[in-house]
Protein backbone atom coordinates (compact mmCIF):
# COMPACT_ATOMS: atom_id res chain seq x y z
CA MET A 1 0.14 -0.08 0.04
CA ASN A 2 2.78 2.33 0.90
CA ARG A 3 4.64 1.74 -2.51
CA MET A 4 1.40 2.33 -4.50
CA ARG A 5 0.98 5.61 -2.71
CA THR A 6 4.59 6.56 -3.27
CA LEU A 7 4.27 5.60 -7.02
CA LEU A 8 1.01 7.59 -7.50
CA LEU A 9 2.71 10.62 -5.86
CA VAL A 10 5.47 10.39 -8.21
CA VAL A 11 3.36 9.94 -11.42
CA GLY A 12 1.07 12.77 -10.22
CA CYS A 13 4.00 15.15 -9.71
CA ALA A 14 5.41 14.32 -13.18
CA LEU A 15 1.93 14.95 -14.77
CA VAL A 16 1.64 18.14 -12.92
CA ALA A 17 5.24 19.30 -13.92
CA THR A 18 4.68 18.60 -17.67
CA GLY A 19 1.29 20.12 -17.54
CA CYS A 20 2.73 23.45 -16.42
CA MET A 21 4.84 23.65 -19.51
CA SER A 22 2.89 25.62 -21.86
CA PRO A 23 2.72 29.35 -22.89
CA LYS A 24 1.29 31.60 -20.38
CA GLY A 25 -1.93 33.17 -21.20
CA ASP A 26 -5.82 32.71 -21.23
CA ASP A 27 -6.37 32.71 -24.89
CA ALA A 28 -4.61 31.95 -28.20
CA THR A 29 -3.49 35.54 -28.81
CA GLN A 30 -1.94 35.87 -25.34
CA LYS A 31 -0.16 32.47 -25.67
CA ARG A 32 1.21 33.55 -28.98
CA ALA A 33 2.38 36.70 -27.53
CA ALA A 34 4.20 34.79 -24.76
CA VAL A 35 5.82 32.45 -27.23
CA HIS A 36 7.10 35.40 -29.21
CA GLU A 37 8.35 37.11 -26.09
CA MET A 38 10.21 33.82 -25.28
CA ARG A 39 11.73 33.94 -28.75
CA SER A 40 12.90 37.52 -28.39
CA ASP A 41 14.45 36.93 -25.10
CA THR A 42 16.21 33.64 -26.25
CA LEU A 43 17.61 35.25 -29.33
CA ALA A 44 18.70 38.38 -27.27
CA LYS A 45 20.77 35.96 -24.88
CA LEU A 46 22.17 34.12 -27.68
CA TYR A 47 23.28 37.29 -29.53
CA ALA A 48 24.96 38.59 -26.30
CA ILE A 49 26.83 35.18 -25.91
CA GLU A 50 27.58 34.67 -29.64
CA PRO A 51 27.26 38.13 -31.61
CA TYR A 52 28.11 36.40 -35.09
CA ALA A 53 24.88 34.20 -34.58
CA GLN A 54 22.56 37.30 -35.61
CA THR A 55 24.37 37.46 -38.99
CA ARG A 56 23.90 33.73 -39.53
CA ILE A 57 20.28 33.71 -38.45
CA LYS A 58 19.45 36.67 -40.94
CA GLU A 59 21.28 34.74 -43.65
CA SER A 60 19.48 31.53 -43.02
CA VAL A 61 16.30 30.23 -44.73
CA GLY A 62 14.68 29.82 -41.32
CA TYR A 63 15.15 29.15 -37.72
CA ALA A 64 13.28 27.68 -34.72
CA VAL A 65 13.37 28.63 -30.91
CA PHE A 66 12.08 26.20 -28.44
CA SER A 67 11.47 26.14 -24.71
CA ASN A 68 12.01 22.69 -23.36
CA VAL A 69 11.87 21.18 -20.00
CA GLY A 70 12.43 17.64 -18.80
CA VAL A 71 11.41 16.20 -15.55
CA ASN A 72 13.24 13.09 -14.15
CA LEU A 73 11.72 11.41 -11.12
CA LEU A 74 13.36 8.15 -10.15
CA LEU A 75 12.44 5.84 -13.07
CA LEU A 76 9.89 8.25 -14.73
CA SER A 77 11.19 10.76 -17.21
CA THR A 78 8.90 13.24 -19.10
CA GLY A 79 9.56 16.14 -21.42
CA SER A 80 7.47 18.94 -22.65
CA GLY A 81 7.89 22.39 -24.25
CA TYR A 82 6.69 24.87 -26.92
CA GLY A 83 8.27 26.84 -29.53
CA VAL A 84 8.23 28.87 -32.86
CA VAL A 85 9.44 28.38 -36.28
CA LYS A 86 10.45 31.28 -38.70
CA ASP A 87 10.78 30.74 -42.34
């Protein structure tokens, strides 16, 4: 009984953690704006670390920016995320 309770707790935590990984917002417009904000923030951080990346991205056919989170609890491993592709 104790093992079953522990297993259910672990699985429940994993499901909650993966369910929390979606763009913030109540409707599609707000979620889209949150994804675009994440893209801008991520690209700004990349350009600060590697300035030449900005030239490479401008010259490219397209690029993608993703937010990804993995949860590892004992033997259970999950992943979730969202992103945007620009062509």
